[in-house]
Protein backbone atom coordinates (compact mmCIF):
# COMPACT_ATOMS: atom_id res chain seq x y z
CA MET A 1 3.02 -8.09 16.28
CA ASN A 2 1.67 -11.16 17.63
CA SER A 3 0.52 -13.80 14.50
CA LEU A 4 1.51 -10.72 11.67
CA ILE A 5 3.98 -11.37 8.91
CA VAL A 6 6.38 -8.86 9.28
CA LEU A 7 8.96 -7.30 6.42
CA LYS A 8 11.80 -5.15 7.50
CA GLU A 9 12.73 -2.75 4.32
CA GLN A 10 15.90 -0.74 4.16
CA HIS A 11 16.63 3.29 2.42
CA PHE A 12 13.72 4.46 2.31
CA THR A 13 13.04 7.48 -0.04
CA SER A 14 10.18 8.94 -1.40
CA ASN A 15 10.43 7.88 -4.97
CA SER A 16 11.96 4.49 -4.77
CA GLY A 17 9.64 3.39 -1.94
CA ALA A 18 6.69 4.39 -3.42
CA ARG A 19 7.63 2.36 -6.32
CA ASP A 20 8.33 -0.21 -3.99
CA ILE A 21 4.99 -0.43 -2.23
CA ALA A 22 3.30 0.00 -6.22
CA GLU A 23 5.00 -3.28 -7.03
CA HIS A 24 4.06 -4.37 -3.64
CA LEU A 25 0.46 -3.67 -3.53
CA CYS A 26 0.11 -4.88 -7.25
CA GLY A 27 0.59 -8.32 -6.03
CA ARG A 28 -1.52 -8.11 -2.21
CA MET A 29 -4.28 -5.21 -3.85
CA TYR A 30 -6.87 -8.77 -3.54
CA TYR A 31 -6.46 -9.01 -0.42
CA GLY A 32 -8.43 -6.34 0.79
CA LYS A 33 -7.86 -2.72 1.99
CA ALA A 34 -4.15 -1.49 2.18
CA VAL A 35 -3.05 1.55 4.66
CA ILE A 36 -0.07 3.22 3.98
CA VAL A 37 1.41 5.65 7.09
CA ALA A 38 3.36 8.37 6.01
CA ASP A 39 5.10 11.40 8.08
CA LYS A 40 3.43 13.67 5.16
CA PRO A 41 0.18 11.75 3.73
CA GLU A 42 -0.73 14.29 0.90
CA VAL A 43 2.63 14.79 -0.86
CA PHE A 44 3.06 10.46 -0.45
CA ILE A 45 -0.65 9.91 -2.30
CA SER A 46 0.44 12.02 -5.16
CA VAL A 47 3.97 9.68 -5.59
CA LEU A 48 2.02 6.90 -4.59
CA ARG A 49 -0.63 7.49 -7.75
CA ARG A 50 1.62 8.28 -10.10
CA GLN A 51 3.78 5.42 -9.69
CA TRP A 52 0.70 3.25 -9.82
CA LEU A 53 -0.42 4.94 -13.37
CA LYS A 54 3.30 3.94 -14.23
CA LYS A 55 2.96 0.26 -13.68
CA ALA A 56 -0.22 0.03 -15.23
CA TRP A 57 1.07 1.60 -18.13
CA ARG A 58 4.01 -1.19 -17.82
CA MET A 59 1.43 -3.73 -17.77
CA LYS A 60 -0.34 -2.47 -20.82
CA ILE A 61 2.57 -2.09 -23.07
CA GLU A 62 3.65 -5.95 -21.93
CA ARG A 63 -0.37 -6.89 -22.88
CA ALA A 64 0.55 -5.02 -26.17
CA ARG A 65 3.49 -6.84 -27.04
CA THR A 66 2.61 -10.56 -26.17
CA LEU A 67 0.71 -13.18 -28.08
CA ASP A 68 -0.12 -15.87 -25.15
CA THR A 69 -3.93 -15.38 -24.86
CA ALA A 70 -3.96 -17.07 -21.52
CA LYS A 71 -0.98 -14.39 -20.61
CA ILE A 72 -3.70 -11.33 -22.34
CA ASN A 73 -6.17 -12.47 -19.92
CA GLU A 74 -4.68 -12.24 -16.89
CA LEU A 75 -2.70 -9.38 -18.07
CA GLU A 76 -6.38 -7.76 -18.73
CA GLY A 77 -7.75 -8.51 -15.24
CA THR A 78 -4.86 -7.34 -13.59
CA ILE A 79 -4.99 -3.97 -15.15
CA CYS A 80 -8.84 -3.33 -14.99
CA TYR A 81 -8.90 -4.48 -11.15
CA MET A 82 -5.88 -1.36 -10.62
CA GLY A 83 -7.90 0.89 -12.79
CA ARG A 84 -10.68 -0.04 -10.25
CA LEU A 85 -8.36 0.83 -6.98
CA ARG A 86 -9.68 3.75 -5.18
CA PHE A 87 -6.62 5.40 -2.97
CA THR A 88 -7.64 7.87 -0.19
CA ARG A 89 -6.78 10.51 2.00
CA ARG A 90 -10.15 10.59 3.60
CA TYR A 91 -9.81 8.87 7.19
CA PRO A 92 -11.70 6.61 9.04
CA PRO A 93 -12.36 4.05 6.61
CA ASP A 94 -16.04 3.33 8.16
CA GLU A 95 -16.91 6.90 6.65
CA TYR A 96 -15.43 7.28 3.24
CA THR A 97 -14.91 3.93 1.16
CA GLY A 98 -11.53 3.39 -0.39
CA ASP A 99 -9.36 0.36 -1.10
CA VAL A 100 -5.81 2.43 -0.02
CA TYR A 101 -5.51 4.73 2.75
CA ILE A 102 -2.66 7.20 2.86
CA VAL A 103 -2.91 8.40 6.50
CA GLY A 104 -0.31 10.31 8.68
CA VAL A 105 0.70 8.76 12.42
CA LYS A 106 -1.38 10.87 14.40
CA GLU A 107 -4.52 10.22 12.54
CA ALA A 108 -3.92 5.77 12.38
CA LEU A 109 -3.13 6.14 16.55
CA MET A 110 -6.59 8.30 16.62
CA TRP A 111 -8.55 5.28 14.49
CA PRO A 112 -6.49 2.30 14.52
CA PRO A 113 -6.61 0.79 11.00
CA GLU A 114 -8.49 -2.40 10.61
CA CYS A 115 -6.60 -4.03 7.01
CA SER A 116 -4.97 -6.87 5.63
CA THR A 117 -1.69 -4.69 4.34
CA MET A 118 0.15 -2.10 6.06
CA TYR A 119 2.86 -0.37 5.20
CA ILE A 120 5.31 1.63 7.84
CA VAL A 121 7.20 4.60 5.62
CA ALA A 122 6.28 7.34 8.69
CA LYS A 123 9.14 7.44 11.40
CA SER A 124 7.58 6.54 14.45
CA GLU A 125 8.59 5.14 17.55
CA GLN A 126 8.25 0.91 18.61
CA HIS A 127 5.37 1.47 20.86
CA GLU A 128 3.41 3.11 17.95
CA LYS A 129 3.96 0.35 15.66
CA TYR A 130 2.61 -1.71 18.06
CA LEU A 131 -0.53 0.72 18.49
CA LEU A 132 -1.10 0.89 14.98
CA THR A 133 -1.34 -2.77 14.45
CA SER A 134 -3.44 -3.78 17.38
CA TRP A 135 -6.45 -3.96 14.87
CA MET A 136 -5.13 -6.27 12.00
CA HIS A 137 -6.26 -9.37 11.61
CA PRO A 138 -4.19 -12.33 12.56
CA HIS A 139 -1.53 -13.57 9.73
CA SER A 140 -2.28 -9.82 8.00
CA LEU A 141 1.13 -8.58 6.73
CA VAL A 142 3.14 -5.24 7.91
CA VAL A 143 6.09 -3.41 5.68
CA ILE A 144 8.40 -1.18 8.19
CA TYR A 145 10.47 0.80 6.23
CA GLU A 146 13.54 1.56 8.51
CA HIS A 147 14.80 5.15 7.87
CA PRO A 148 18.40 5.63 8.36
CA SER A 149 19.55 7.16 11.78
């Protein structure tokens, strides 16, 4: 994981982890594709989508409450961009278009992702993490959620 920015997070649960990823992804969505490596990607995509829609709803409420035109324009742009972001379980990225890919460890190891942001929420060995991040651009962000042993 040379020349990558690595963040390690503790205490992952499905709901709080998805909320944390949704919050973090809101700031990283402009940097390009993101890949989330999860143990159960079918379940995680629905939980993440729900948290993403809640985040967009909270931003719409904040936009309705403010009178500052600069803040309104900023929030409208962000809300519009959030609505266009495509979450997908289909993989590999060369065949299917999307902005956020949610995949299992085996899928990601068969086709190493080339992205600017990666979230690893699956239980995986250290050598698998190195293989998963091998095709990432320098100075990309990797967020690793560590599970309690």
